[in-house]
C-alpha atoms as a PDB file:
ATOM      1  CA  MET A   1     -13.205 -74.432 -70.654  1.00  0.00           C
ATOM      2  CA  SER A   2     -12.747 -71.461 -68.357  1.00  0.00           C
ATOM      3  CA  PRO A   3     -13.584 -70.660 -64.708  1.00  0.00           C
ATOM      4  CA  THR A   4     -16.641 -68.674 -65.846  1.00  0.00           C
ATOM      5  CA  MET A   5     -18.348 -71.780 -67.256  1.00  0.00           C
ATOM      6  CA  VAL A   6     -20.519 -72.498 -64.238  1.00  0.00           C
ATOM      7  CA  THR A   7     -24.156 -73.489 -64.134  1.00  0.00           C
ATOM      8  CA  PRO A   8     -26.377 -70.761 -65.642  1.00  0.00           C
ATOM      9  CA  ALA A   9     -27.859 -69.598 -62.354  1.00  0.00           C
ATOM     10  CA  GLU A  10     -25.759 -68.709 -59.350  1.00  0.00           C
ATOM     11  CA  GLY A  11     -27.094 -70.203 -56.148  1.00  0.00           C
ATOM     12  CA  ALA A  12     -26.317 -72.424 -53.221  1.00  0.00           C
ATOM     13  CA  LEU A  13     -24.781 -75.171 -55.340  1.00  0.00           C
ATOM     14  CA  SER A  14     -22.853 -74.978 -58.594  1.00  0.00           C
ATOM     15  CA  LEU A  15     -20.634 -77.067 -60.821  1.00  0.00           C
ATOM     16  CA  VAL A  16     -17.557 -75.941 -62.721  1.00  0.00           C
ATOM     17  CA  TYR A  17     -15.090 -77.784 -64.935  1.00  0.00           C
ATOM     18  CA  LEU A  18     -11.674 -76.207 -64.508  1.00  0.00           C
ATOM     19  CA  PRO A  19      -8.550 -76.990 -66.503  1.00  0.00           C
ATOM     20  CA  GLN A  20      -5.946 -78.463 -64.181  1.00  0.00           C
ATOM     21  CA  ALA A  21      -3.565 -75.611 -65.026  1.00  0.00           C
ATOM     22  CA  GLU A  22      -6.078 -73.023 -63.736  1.00  0.00           C
ATOM     23  CA  LEU A  23      -6.609 -74.568 -60.317  1.00  0.00           C
ATOM     24  CA  PRO A  24      -3.878 -72.550 -58.521  1.00  0.00           C
ATOM     25  CA  ALA A  25      -5.530 -69.274 -59.541  1.00  0.00           C
ATOM     26  CA  MET A  26      -8.825 -70.434 -58.011  1.00  0.00           C
ATOM     27  CA  ALA A  27      -7.300 -71.952 -54.874  1.00  0.00           C
ATOM     28  CA  GLY A  28      -8.537 -69.232 -52.509  1.00  0.00           C
ATOM     29  CA  LEU A  29     -12.161 -69.460 -53.636  1.00  0.00           C
ATOM     30  CA  ILE A  30     -12.064 -73.259 -53.628  1.00  0.00           C
ATOM     31  CA  GLU A  31     -10.553 -73.237 -50.129  1.00  0.00           C
ATOM     32  CA  GLU A  32     -13.450 -71.100 -48.862  1.00  0.00           C
ATOM     33  CA  ARG A  33     -16.424 -72.507 -50.788  1.00  0.00           C
ATOM     34  CA  GLY A  34     -15.348 -75.809 -52.350  1.00  0.00           C
ATOM     35  CA  LEU A  35     -17.300 -78.973 -51.592  1.00  0.00           C
ATOM     36  CA  GLY A  36     -15.347 -81.517 -53.600  1.00  0.00           C
ATOM     37  CA  ALA A  37     -13.310 -82.266 -56.710  1.00  0.00           C
ATOM     38  CA  VAL A  38     -13.197 -85.151 -59.176  1.00  0.00           C
ATOM     39  CA  GLY A  39     -10.473 -85.839 -61.719  1.00  0.00           C
ATOM     40  CA  PHE A  40     -10.740 -88.276 -64.584  1.00  0.00           C
ATOM     41  CA  GLY A  41      -7.895 -90.751 -64.745  1.00  0.00           C
ATOM     42  CA  ALA A  42      -6.428 -92.938 -62.055  1.00  0.00           C
ATOM     43  CA  ASP A  43      -4.746 -90.086 -60.155  1.00  0.00           C
ATOM     44  CA  GLN A  44      -6.434 -87.582 -57.890  1.00  0.00           C
ATOM     45  CA  PRO A  45      -6.453 -83.945 -59.065  1.00  0.00           C
ATOM     46  CA  VAL A  46      -3.609 -81.863 -57.637  1.00  0.00           C
ATOM     47  CA  ASP A  47      -3.131 -78.167 -56.780  1.00  0.00           C
ATOM     48  CA  LEU A  48      -6.218 -78.174 -54.557  1.00  0.00           C
ATOM     49  CA  PRO A  49      -6.688 -77.315 -50.862  1.00  0.00           C
ATOM     50  CA  ARG A  50      -5.443 -80.279 -48.855  1.00  0.00           C
ATOM     51  CA  SER A  51      -8.683 -80.706 -46.900  1.00  0.00           C
ATOM     52  CA  LEU A  52     -10.955 -80.742 -49.969  1.00  0.00           C
ATOM     53  CA  PRO A  53     -12.584 -84.141 -50.681  1.00  0.00           C
ATOM     54  CA  ARG A  54     -11.268 -85.418 -53.993  1.00  0.00           C
ATOM     55  CA  LEU A  55     -11.190 -88.477 -56.197  1.00  0.00           C
ATOM     56  CA  GLY A  56      -9.471 -89.719 -59.306  1.00  0.00           C
ATOM     57  CA  ILE A  57     -11.686 -92.011 -61.377  1.00  0.00           C
ATOM     58  CA  ALA A  58     -10.294 -94.326 -64.053  1.00  0.00           C
ATOM     59  CA  THR A  59     -12.556 -93.000 -66.812  1.00  0.00           C
ATOM     60  CA  PRO A  60     -10.127 -91.399 -69.305  1.00  0.00           C
ATOM     61  CA  GLN A  61     -11.113 -87.982 -70.597  1.00  0.00           C
ATOM     62  CA  MET A  62     -11.775 -87.937 -74.357  1.00  0.00           C
ATOM     63  CA  GLN A  63     -12.927 -84.329 -74.847  1.00  0.00           C
ATOM     64  CA  PRO A  64     -11.989 -81.525 -74.360  1.00  0.00           C
ATOM     65  CA  ALA A  65      -8.322 -82.007 -75.182  1.00  0.00           C
ATOM     66  CA  GLU A  66      -7.131 -80.220 -72.035  1.00  0.00           C
ATOM     67  CA  ALA A  67      -7.649 -82.180 -68.817  1.00  0.00           C
ATOM     68  CA  VAL A  68     -10.298 -80.688 -66.525  1.00  0.00           C
ATOM     69  CA  VAL A  69     -11.358 -81.185 -62.918  1.00  0.00           C
ATOM     70  CA  GLU A  70     -15.002 -81.352 -61.847  1.00  0.00           C
ATOM     71  CA  ILE A  71     -15.463 -79.036 -58.869  1.00  0.00           C
ATOM     72  CA  TRP A  72     -18.605 -78.662 -56.794  1.00  0.00           C
ATOM     73  CA  MET A  73     -18.970 -75.256 -55.149  1.00  0.00           C
ATOM     74  CA  SER A  74     -21.195 -73.606 -52.571  1.00  0.00           C
ATOM     75  CA  THR A  75     -21.906 -69.901 -52.143  1.00  0.00           C
ATOM     76  CA  ARG A  76     -21.251 -70.378 -48.431  1.00  0.00           C
ATOM     77  CA  ARG A  77     -18.124 -71.149 -46.481  1.00  0.00           C
ATOM     78  CA  THR A  78     -17.753 -74.910 -46.164  1.00  0.00           C
ATOM     79  CA  SER A  79     -16.527 -77.151 -43.373  1.00  0.00           C
ATOM     80  CA  ARG A  80     -14.760 -80.474 -44.000  1.00  0.00           C
ATOM     81  CA  GLY A  81     -13.741 -83.664 -42.298  1.00  0.00           C
ATOM     82  CA  ARG A  82     -13.212 -87.395 -42.522  1.00  0.00           C
ATOM     83  CA  THR A  83     -15.471 -89.978 -40.880  1.00  0.00           C
ATOM     84  CA  GLY A  84     -14.259 -93.538 -41.282  1.00  0.00           C
ATOM     85  CA  ALA A  85     -13.500 -93.925 -44.982  1.00  0.00           C
ATOM     86  CA  ILE A  86     -15.704 -90.982 -46.038  1.00  0.00           C
ATOM     87  CA  ASP A  87     -14.144 -87.618 -46.873  1.00  0.00           C
ATOM     88  CA  TRP A  88     -16.783 -84.923 -46.774  1.00  0.00           C
ATOM     89  CA  ALA A  89     -17.553 -81.207 -46.958  1.00  0.00           C
ATOM     90  CA  CYS A  90     -20.790 -79.393 -46.146  1.00  0.00           C
ATOM     91  CA  ASP A  91     -22.285 -75.902 -46.235  1.00  0.00           C
ATOM     92  CA  GLY A  92     -25.232 -76.245 -43.856  1.00  0.00           C
ATOM     93  CA  HIS A  93     -27.605 -77.483 -46.541  1.00  0.00           C
ATOM     94  CA  HIS A  94     -25.620 -79.709 -48.942  1.00  0.00           C
ATOM     95  CA  LEU A  95     -23.025 -82.347 -48.162  1.00  0.00           C
ATOM     96  CA  PHE A  96     -20.537 -83.749 -50.679  1.00  0.00           C
ATOM     97  CA  GLY A  97     -18.690 -86.948 -49.908  1.00  0.00           C
ATOM     98  CA  THR A  98     -16.398 -89.596 -51.364  1.00  0.00           C
ATOM     99  CA  LEU A  99     -15.926 -93.259 -50.521  1.00  0.00           C
ATOM    100  CA  GLN A 100     -13.879 -96.115 -52.001  1.00  0.00           C
ATOM    101  CA  THR A 101     -14.094 -99.853 -51.324  1.00  0.00           C
ATOM    102  CA  GLU A 102     -11.963-102.647 -52.753  1.00  0.00           C
ATOM    103  CA  THR A 103     -14.215-105.115 -54.555  1.00  0.00           C
ATOM    104  CA  GLY A 104     -12.016-108.172 -55.061  1.00  0.00           C
ATOM    105  CA  SER A 105     -14.240-110.838 -56.579  1.00  0.00           C
ATOM    106  CA  ASP A 106     -17.351-109.874 -54.596  1.00  0.00           C
ATOM    107  CA  ILE A 107     -18.865-106.649 -55.894  1.00  0.00           C
ATOM    108  CA  ARG A 108     -22.159-107.458 -54.175  1.00  0.00           C
ATOM    109  CA  SER A 109     -20.644-107.452 -50.679  1.00  0.00           C
ATOM    110  CA  ALA A 110     -18.454-104.424 -51.440  1.00  0.00           C
ATOM    111  CA  THR A 111     -21.511-102.486 -52.615  1.00  0.00           C
ATOM    112  CA  GLY A 112     -23.540-103.435 -49.574  1.00  0.00           C
ATOM    113  CA  GLN A 113     -20.691-102.420 -47.278  1.00  0.00           C
ATOM    114  CA  THR A 114     -20.284 -99.103 -49.094  1.00  0.00           C
ATOM    115  CA  TYR A 115     -23.947 -98.174 -48.935  1.00  0.00           C
ATOM    116  CA  ASP A 116     -24.311 -99.344 -45.326  1.00  0.00           C
ATOM    117  CA  SER A 117     -21.477 -96.979 -44.364  1.00  0.00           C
ATOM    118  CA  LEU A 118     -22.959 -94.194 -46.444  1.00  0.00           C
ATOM    119  CA  PHE A 119     -26.447 -94.399 -44.938  1.00  0.00           C
ATOM    120  CA  ARG A 120     -25.119 -94.537 -41.366  1.00  0.00           C
ATOM    121  CA  PHE A 121     -22.942 -91.531 -42.070  1.00  0.00           C
ATOM    122  CA  LEU A 122     -25.772 -89.452 -43.561  1.00  0.00           C
ATOM    123  CA  ASP A 123     -28.124 -90.149 -40.682  1.00  0.00           C
ATOM    124  CA  ARG A 124     -25.511 -89.324 -38.032  1.00  0.00           C
ATOM    125  CA  HIS A 125     -24.432 -86.085 -39.706  1.00  0.00           C
ATOM    126  CA  GLY A 126     -27.933 -84.700 -40.212  1.00  0.00           C
ATOM    127  CA  TYR A 127     -27.979 -84.884 -44.017  1.00  0.00           C
ATOM    128  CA  PRO A 128     -30.313 -87.887 -44.362  1.00  0.00           C
ATOM    129  CA  HIS A 129     -31.477 -87.270 -47.926  1.00  0.00           C
ATOM    130  CA  LEU A 130     -29.271 -88.809 -50.602  1.00  0.00           C
ATOM    131  CA  VAL A 131     -29.926 -86.677 -53.685  1.00  0.00           C
ATOM    132  CA  ARG A 132     -27.337 -87.769 -56.249  1.00  0.00           C
ATOM    133  CA  ILE A 133     -24.751 -90.573 -56.290  1.00  0.00           C
ATOM    134  CA  TRP A 134     -22.114 -91.623 -58.821  1.00  0.00           C
ATOM    135  CA  ASN A 135     -20.884 -95.255 -58.834  1.00  0.00           C
ATOM    136  CA  TYR A 136     -17.820 -96.545 -60.713  1.00  0.00           C
ATOM    137  CA  PHE A 137     -16.224 -99.984 -60.612  1.00  0.00           C
ATOM    138  CA  PRO A 138     -14.139-102.207 -62.889  1.00  0.00           C
ATOM    139  CA  ARG A 139     -15.172-105.253 -64.944  1.00  0.00           C
ATOM    140  CA  ILE A 140     -18.823-104.203 -64.871  1.00  0.00           C
ATOM    141  CA  HIS A 141     -19.880-106.867 -67.397  1.00  0.00           C
ATOM    142  CA  ARG A 142     -17.773-109.760 -66.107  1.00  0.00           C
ATOM    143  CA  GLU A 143     -19.676-112.705 -64.714  1.00  0.00           C
ATOM    144  CA  GLU A 144     -19.148-113.245 -60.999  1.00  0.00           C
ATOM    145  CA  ALA A 145     -20.733-116.118 -59.039  1.00  0.00           C
ATOM    146  CA  GLY A 146     -22.835-116.878 -62.110  1.00  0.00           C
ATOM    147  CA  LEU A 147     -24.146-113.323 -62.520  1.00  0.00           C
ATOM    148  CA  GLU A 148     -22.860-110.154 -64.219  1.00  0.00           C
ATOM    149  CA  ARG A 149     -21.085-107.816 -61.830  1.00  0.00           C
ATOM    150  CA  TYR A 150     -23.490-104.951 -62.616  1.00  0.00           C
ATOM    151  CA  ARG A 151     -26.403-107.143 -61.576  1.00  0.00           C
ATOM    152  CA  GLN A 152     -24.510-108.178 -58.442  1.00  0.00           C
ATOM    153  CA  PHE A 153     -24.000-104.475 -57.733  1.00  0.00           C
ATOM    154  CA  ASN A 154     -27.761-103.903 -57.957  1.00  0.00           C
ATOM    155  CA  ILE A 155     -28.392-106.669 -55.423  1.00  0.00           C
ATOM    156  CA  GLY A 156     -25.868-105.233 -52.972  1.00  0.00           C
ATOM    157  CA  ARG A 157     -27.233-101.720 -53.375  1.00  0.00           C
ATOM    158  CA  GLN A 158     -30.863-102.730 -52.857  1.00  0.00           C
ATOM    159  CA  ASP A 159     -29.971-104.891 -49.852  1.00  0.00           C
ATOM    160  CA  ALA A 160     -28.376-101.836 -48.216  1.00  0.00           C
ATOM    161  CA  PHE A 161     -31.465 -99.700 -48.915  1.00  0.00           C
ATOM    162  CA  LEU A 162     -33.601-102.347 -47.238  1.00  0.00           C
ATOM    163  CA  ARG A 163     -31.297-102.693 -44.212  1.00  0.00           C
ATOM    164  CA  ALA A 164     -31.440 -98.915 -43.749  1.00  0.00           C
ATOM    165  CA  ASN A 165     -35.254 -98.902 -43.994  1.00  0.00           C
ATOM    166  CA  ARG A 166     -35.062 -96.722 -47.069  1.00  0.00           C
ATOM    167  CA  PRO A 167     -37.541 -96.993 -49.942  1.00  0.00           C
ATOM    168  CA  ILE A 168     -36.581 -99.095 -52.954  1.00  0.00           C
ATOM    169  CA  ALA A 169     -39.142 -97.426 -55.224  1.00  0.00           C
ATOM    170  CA  GLY A 170     -40.277 -93.847 -55.703  1.00  0.00           C
ATOM    171  CA  ALA A 171     -38.176 -91.613 -53.456  1.00  0.00           C
ATOM    172  CA  LEU A 172     -34.748 -92.651 -54.733  1.00  0.00           C
ATOM    173  CA  PRO A 173     -31.662 -90.581 -55.585  1.00  0.00           C
ATOM    174  CA  ALA A 174     -30.537 -89.755 -59.083  1.00  0.00           C
ATOM    175  CA  ALA A 175     -27.632 -92.038 -59.944  1.00  0.00           C
ATOM    176  CA  CYS A 176     -25.351 -93.671 -62.488  1.00  0.00           C
ATOM    177  CA  ALA A 177     -23.185 -96.789 -62.531  1.00  0.00           C
ATOM    178  CA  LEU A 178     -20.260 -96.982 -64.976  1.00  0.00           C
ATOM    179  CA  GLY A 179     -17.488 -99.439 -65.648  1.00  0.00           C
ATOM    180  CA  THR A 180     -13.909 -98.239 -65.181  1.00  0.00           C
ATOM    181  CA  GLN A 181     -10.594 -99.549 -66.460  1.00  0.00           C
ATOM    182  CA  THR A 182      -9.225-100.280 -62.991  1.00  0.00           C
ATOM    183  CA  GLY A 183      -9.630 -99.351 -59.364  1.00  0.00           C
ATOM    184  CA  PRO A 184     -11.976 -99.988 -56.438  1.00  0.00           C
ATOM    185  CA  LEU A 185     -15.686 -99.317 -56.186  1.00  0.00           C
ATOM    186  CA  THR A 186     -15.578 -95.532 -56.193  1.00  0.00           C
ATOM    187  CA  VAL A 187     -18.539 -93.474 -55.049  1.00  0.00           C
ATOM    188  CA  TYR A 188     -19.171 -89.792 -54.692  1.00  0.00           C
ATOM    189  CA  PHE A 189     -22.439 -88.244 -53.647  1.00  0.00           C
ATOM    190  CA  ILE A 190     -24.450 -85.163 -52.755  1.00  0.00           C
ATOM    191  CA  ALA A 191     -26.888 -85.238 -49.834  1.00  0.00           C
ATOM    192  CA  SER A 192     -29.177 -82.620 -48.347  1.00  0.00           C
ATOM    193  CA  ARG A 193     -30.979 -81.725 -45.157  1.00  0.00           C
ATOM    194  CA  THR A 194     -34.231 -81.596 -47.146  1.00  0.00           C
ATOM    195  CA  ALA A 195     -35.734 -84.197 -49.439  1.00  0.00           C
ATOM    196  CA  ALA A 196     -35.513 -83.938 -53.210  1.00  0.00           C
ATOM    197  CA  ILE A 197     -38.459 -84.636 -55.507  1.00  0.00           C
ATOM    198  CA  PRO A 198     -37.881 -87.751 -57.638  1.00  0.00           C
ATOM    199  CA  ILE A 199     -38.727 -87.297 -61.313  1.00  0.00           C
ATOM    200  CA  GLU A 200     -39.591 -90.121 -63.705  1.00  0.00           C
ATOM    201  CA  ASN A 201     -39.617 -90.168 -67.497  1.00  0.00           C
ATOM    202  CA  PRO A 202     -42.920 -90.939 -69.283  1.00  0.00           C
ATOM    203  CA  ARG A 203     -40.941 -92.504 -72.156  1.00  0.00           C
ATOM    204  CA  GLN A 204     -39.243 -95.012 -69.854  1.00  0.00           C
ATOM    205  CA  LEU A 205     -40.291 -97.575 -67.309  1.00  0.00           C
ATOM    206  CA  SER A 206     -38.930 -96.530 -63.931  1.00  0.00           C
ATOM    207  CA  ALA A 207     -35.644 -98.360 -63.394  1.00  0.00           C
ATOM    208  CA  TYR A 208     -36.828 -99.714 -60.038  1.00  0.00           C
ATOM    209  CA  LEU A 209     -39.692-101.474 -61.896  1.00  0.00           C
ATOM    210  CA  TYR A 210     -37.565-103.258 -64.500  1.00  0.00           C
ATOM    211  CA  PRO A 211     -38.652-106.842 -65.187  1.00  0.00           C
ATOM    212  CA  GLY A 212     -36.565-109.815 -64.098  1.00  0.00           C
ATOM    213  CA  GLU A 213     -34.816-110.188 -67.456  1.00  0.00           C
ATOM    214  CA  TYR A 214     -32.467-107.387 -66.333  1.00  0.00           C
ATOM    215  CA  GLY A 215     -31.460-109.153 -63.149  1.00  0.00           C
ATOM    216  CA  PRO A 216     -32.878-110.458 -59.879  1.00  0.00           C
ATOM    217  CA  ARG A 217     -33.008-106.925 -58.401  1.00  0.00           C
ATOM    218  CA  SER A 218     -33.942-103.683 -60.113  1.00  0.00           C
ATOM    219  CA  PRO A 219     -31.609-100.666 -60.120  1.00  0.00           C
ATOM    220  CA  SER A 220     -32.282 -98.326 -57.174  1.00  0.00           C
ATOM    221  CA  PHE A 221     -32.440 -94.839 -58.681  1.00  0.00           C
ATOM    222  CA  SER A 222     -34.761 -92.159 -60.032  1.00  0.00           C
ATOM    223  CA  ARG A 223     -34.445 -90.715 -63.527  1.00  0.00           C
ATOM    224  CA  ALA A 224     -33.864 -87.259 -62.029  1.00  0.00           C
ATOM    225  CA  ALA A 225     -33.989 -85.445 -58.697  1.00  0.00           C
ATOM    226  CA  LEU A 226     -35.251 -81.902 -58.147  1.00  0.00           C
ATOM    227  CA  LEU A 227     -34.031 -80.047 -55.057  1.00  0.00           C
ATOM    228  CA  ARG A 228     -35.355 -76.675 -53.921  1.00  0.00           C
ATOM    229  CA  SER A 229     -33.410 -74.578 -51.440  1.00  0.00           C
ATOM    230  CA  GLU A 230     -32.459 -70.976 -50.738  1.00  0.00           C
ATOM    231  CA  GLY A 231     -34.388 -69.604 -53.693  1.00  0.00           C
ATOM    232  CA  GLN A 232     -32.678 -72.046 -56.059  1.00  0.00           C
ATOM    233  CA  THR A 233     -34.075 -74.990 -58.001  1.00  0.00           C
ATOM    234  CA  THR A 234     -31.415 -77.606 -58.656  1.00  0.00           C
ATOM    235  CA  VAL A 235     -31.817 -80.616 -60.927  1.00  0.00           C
ATOM    236  CA  PHE A 236     -29.702 -83.760 -61.198  1.00  0.00           C
ATOM    237  CA  ILE A 237     -30.476 -85.873 -64.269  1.00  0.00           C
ATOM    238  CA  SER A 238     -29.281 -89.451 -63.861  1.00  0.00           C
ATOM    239  CA  GLY A 239     -27.190 -91.274 -66.398  1.00  0.00           C
ATOM    240  CA  THR A 240     -29.563 -91.506 -69.386  1.00  0.00           C
ATOM    241  CA  ALA A 241     -29.290 -93.795 -72.387  1.00  0.00           C
ATOM    242  CA  SER A 242     -31.153 -95.057 -75.452  1.00  0.00           C
ATOM    243  CA  ILE A 243     -33.853 -96.920 -73.554  1.00  0.00           C
ATOM    244  CA  VAL A 244     -37.578 -96.603 -74.234  1.00  0.00           C
ATOM    245  CA  GLY A 245     -39.907 -98.484 -71.943  1.00  0.00           C
ATOM    246  CA  HIS A 246     -37.306-100.889 -70.624  1.00  0.00           C
ATOM    247  CA  GLU A 247     -35.723-101.903 -73.945  1.00  0.00           C
ATOM    248  CA  SER A 248     -32.430-100.715 -75.417  1.00  0.00           C
ATOM    249  CA  LEU A 249     -32.845 -99.188 -78.881  1.00  0.00           C
ATOM    250  CA  HIS A 250     -30.520 -98.713 -81.872  1.00  0.00           C
ATOM    251  CA  PRO A 251     -27.769-101.231 -81.020  1.00  0.00           C
ATOM    252  CA  GLY A 252     -24.517-100.390 -82.781  1.00  0.00           C
ATOM    253  CA  ASP A 253     -25.671 -96.912 -83.887  1.00  0.00           C
ATOM    254  CA  ALA A 254     -24.074 -94.226 -81.698  1.00  0.00           C
ATOM    255  CA  ALA A 255     -25.790 -91.348 -83.495  1.00  0.00           C
ATOM    256  CA  ALA A 256     -29.269 -92.839 -83.140  1.00  0.00           C
ATOM    257  CA  GLN A 257     -28.599 -93.750 -79.516  1.00  0.00           C
ATOM    258  CA  THR A 258     -27.559 -90.161 -78.828  1.00  0.00           C
ATOM    259  CA  ARG A 259     -30.754 -88.802 -80.405  1.00  0.00           C
ATOM    260  CA  GLU A 260     -32.852 -91.188 -78.315  1.00  0.00           C
ATOM    261  CA  THR A 261     -30.949 -90.234 -75.183  1.00  0.00           C
ATOM    262  CA  LEU A 262     -31.532 -86.544 -75.853  1.00  0.00           C
ATOM    263  CA  ALA A 263     -35.241 -87.244 -76.407  1.00  0.00           C
ATOM    264  CA  ASN A 264     -35.320 -88.893 -72.984  1.00  0.00           C
ATOM    265  CA  ILE A 265     -33.585 -85.904 -71.378  1.00  0.00           C
ATOM    266  CA  ALA A 266     -35.992 -83.504 -73.100  1.00  0.00           C
ATOM    267  CA  ALA A 267     -38.937 -85.539 -71.774  1.00  0.00           C
ATOM    268  CA  LEU A 268     -37.529 -85.286 -68.254  1.00  0.00           C
ATOM    269  CA  VAL A 269     -37.127 -81.527 -68.601  1.00  0.00           C
ATOM    270  CA  SER A 270     -40.779 -81.256 -69.664  1.00  0.00           C
ATOM    271  CA  VAL A 271     -41.840 -83.167 -66.554  1.00  0.00           C
ATOM    272  CA  LEU A 272     -39.624 -80.946 -64.385  1.00  0.00           C
ATOM    273  CA  ASN A 273     -41.238 -77.833 -65.797  1.00  0.00           C
ATOM    274  CA  GLY A 274     -44.673 -79.257 -65.016  1.00  0.00           C
ATOM    275  CA  GLU A 275     -43.908 -79.413 -61.303  1.00  0.00           C
ATOM    276  CA  PRO A 276     -45.547 -76.755 -59.070  1.00  0.00           C
ATOM    277  CA  ASP A 277     -43.501 -73.566 -59.327  1.00  0.00           C
ATOM    278  CA  GLY A 278     -41.587 -75.124 -62.214  1.00  0.00           C
ATOM    279  CA  ALA A 279     -38.447 -73.188 -63.005  1.00  0.00           C
ATOM    280  CA  GLY A 280     -38.819 -73.105 -66.793  1.00  0.00           C
ATOM    281  CA  PHE A 281     -35.733 -75.143 -67.640  1.00  0.00           C
ATOM    282  CA  THR A 282     -34.460 -75.511 -71.177  1.00  0.00           C
ATOM    283  CA  LEU A 283     -31.789 -77.905 -72.437  1.00  0.00           C
ATOM    284  CA  ALA A 284     -29.397 -74.938 -72.421  1.00  0.00           C
ATOM    285  CA  ASP A 285     -29.663 -74.667 -68.626  1.00  0.00           C
ATOM    286  CA  PHE A 286     -27.706 -77.862 -68.022  1.00  0.00           C
ATOM    287  CA  ARG A 287     -24.088 -79.003 -67.938  1.00  0.00           C
ATOM    288  CA  TYR A 288     -23.612 -82.388 -69.604  1.00  0.00           C
ATOM    289  CA  LYS A 289     -21.242 -85.276 -69.144  1.00  0.00           C
ATOM    290  CA  ALA A 290     -21.181 -88.044 -71.768  1.00  0.00           C
ATOM    291  CA  TYR A 291     -19.798 -91.526 -71.147  1.00  0.00           C
ATOM    292  CA  VAL A 292     -18.702 -93.338 -74.314  1.00  0.00           C
ATOM    293  CA  ARG A 293     -17.986 -97.057 -74.535  1.00  0.00           C
ATOM    294  CA  PRO A 294     -14.349 -97.942 -75.395  1.00  0.00           C
ATOM    295  CA  GLY A 295     -13.934 -98.396 -79.130  1.00  0.00           C
ATOM    296  CA  CYS A 296     -16.886 -96.159 -80.006  1.00  0.00           C
ATOM    297  CA  ALA A 297     -16.033 -93.033 -82.020  1.00  0.00           C
ATOM    298  CA  THR A 298     -17.086 -89.755 -80.420  1.00  0.00           C
ATOM    299  CA  GLU A 299     -17.736 -87.861 -83.681  1.00  0.00           C
ATOM    300  CA  PRO A 300     -21.312 -89.128 -84.316  1.00  0.00           C
ATOM    301  CA  ILE A 301     -22.207 -88.358 -80.712  1.00  0.00           C
ATOM    302  CA  GLN A 302     -20.680 -84.881 -80.935  1.00  0.00           C
ATOM    303  CA  TRP A 303     -22.573 -84.124 -84.158  1.00  0.00           C
ATOM    304  CA  GLU A 304     -25.900 -85.040 -82.594  1.00  0.00           C
ATOM    305  CA  LEU A 305     -25.148 -83.038 -79.463  1.00  0.00           C
ATOM    306  CA  ALA A 306     -24.125 -80.023 -81.538  1.00  0.00           C
ATOM    307  CA  ALA A 307     -27.436 -80.185 -83.413  1.00  0.00           C
ATOM    308  CA  ALA A 308     -29.468 -80.284 -80.185  1.00  0.00           C
ATOM    309  CA  LEU A 309     -27.499 -78.244 -77.665  1.00  0.00           C
ATOM    310  CA  PRO A 310     -26.371 -74.623 -78.045  1.00  0.00           C
ATOM    311  CA  ALA A 311     -23.165 -75.179 -76.047  1.00  0.00           C
ATOM    312  CA  ALA A 312     -22.211 -78.697 -77.084  1.00  0.00           C
ATOM    313  CA  THR A 313     -18.520 -77.782 -77.112  1.00  0.00           C
ATOM    314  CA  GLU A 314     -18.686 -77.702 -73.303  1.00  0.00           C
ATOM    315  CA  VAL A 315     -19.776 -81.338 -72.961  1.00  0.00           C
ATOM    316  CA  LEU A 316     -17.273 -83.466 -71.059  1.00  0.00           C
ATOM    317  CA  PHE A 317     -16.622 -86.825 -72.772  1.00  0.00           C
ATOM    318  CA  LEU A 318     -15.309 -89.730 -70.717  1.00  0.00           C
ATOM    319  CA  GLN A 319     -14.498 -93.295 -71.715  1.00  0.00           C
ATOM    320  CA  ALA A 320     -16.434 -95.841 -69.665  1.00  0.00           C
ATOM    321  CA  ASP A 321     -18.463 -99.025 -69.958  1.00  0.00           C
ATOM    322  CA  VAL A 322     -22.199 -98.308 -69.899  1.00  0.00           C
ATOM    323  CA  CYS A 323     -24.294-100.639 -67.743  1.00  0.00           C
ATOM    324  CA  ARG A 324     -25.820-102.529 -70.699  1.00  0.00           C
ATOM    325  CA  GLN A 325     -23.385-103.988 -73.216  1.00  0.00           C
ATOM    326  CA  GLU A 326     -25.444-102.907 -76.242  1.00  0.00           C
ATOM    327  CA  LEU A 327     -25.406 -99.251 -75.164  1.00  0.00           C
ATOM    328  CA  LEU A 328     -22.636 -97.058 -76.562  1.00  0.00           C
ATOM    329  CA  VAL A 329     -23.330 -93.748 -74.832  1.00  0.00           C
ATOM    330  CA  GLU A 330     -24.839 -92.455 -71.599  1.00  0.00           C
ATOM    331  CA  ILE A 331     -25.394 -88.788 -70.741  1.00  0.00           C
ATOM    332  CA  GLU A 332     -25.994 -87.117 -67.384  1.00  0.00           C
ATOM    333  CA  ALA A 333     -26.774 -83.492 -66.575  1.00  0.00           C
ATOM    334  CA  PHE A 334     -26.845 -80.906 -63.804  1.00  0.00           C
ATOM    335  CA  GLY A 335     -28.642 -77.585 -63.843  1.00  0.00           C
ATOM    336  CA  SER A 336     -29.903 -74.870 -61.527  1.00  0.00           C
ATOM    337  CA  ARG A 337     -32.083 -71.786 -61.788  1.00  0.00           C
ATOM    338  CA  SER A 338     -33.168 -69.018 -59.480  1.00  0.00           C
ATOM    339  CA  PRO A 339     -36.758 -67.752 -59.479  1.00  0.00           C
END
């Protein structure tokens, strides 16, 4: 991957995956316009401006072979700071932030604490609209207090939404929740001064309407979020898997799960393009990140992606536990277009 591999349309917000070795050459631009950086492995990325929010997440990189850093950029000069445990950067319209909380044996309380802090922070800093959030924590499938840790996480998250008087259906951020090898509950997020439009998938039951068989509380996220600002349409597609309705399909078959996941993403793109002033997105307008369950071979997933996507070689593959044990792969996407 090279520094030129940014989202197809330049605009207020963009995403680039830079090889670690190329960071020094981009240091000046990142110092001026960088919002945040994420490395994949336990250590934080290095050779970055000291004030830039950054995280290292214990999701080992599988592809490409050369380690890369996820960098979020603005076209404006950014300002940065630290409030409590939150490192942040903003450009006047978007805010990027990071937050980590030790979970111990109580992921529910740790999640509630994390989201309580996050919502207070967003309201006080004038970026009240949570658009996209990434959640990572260890032992996602382990039972804790008689309930799987992922399901405990969903309780803690929804409790925090309720305490903050935020909706628990409809107007929710795009999101993902993945299991890591080690580490605390690690969150990074993008918020905005203006509200995003939540997008749901006609092939899937909205996650916030899942029946009780998936846990006492439903997951609090939208399938995608569409944000319009400064002549740019930006789309965040949540972690997407082989689920139709509310049921997991093709257990044990990574290739079939990938095809179903891509069908779900294509359905979301069709809905996006049906919005007023739709931007005419195609699958080629997105950058993709694939999470693959440990022990699952990447080759079948890569073959299916190559058949469906014109730039499949640019997909970032990470090793992580997907939220349902029968799911082998989850894919998320980011894209932007100008009118």
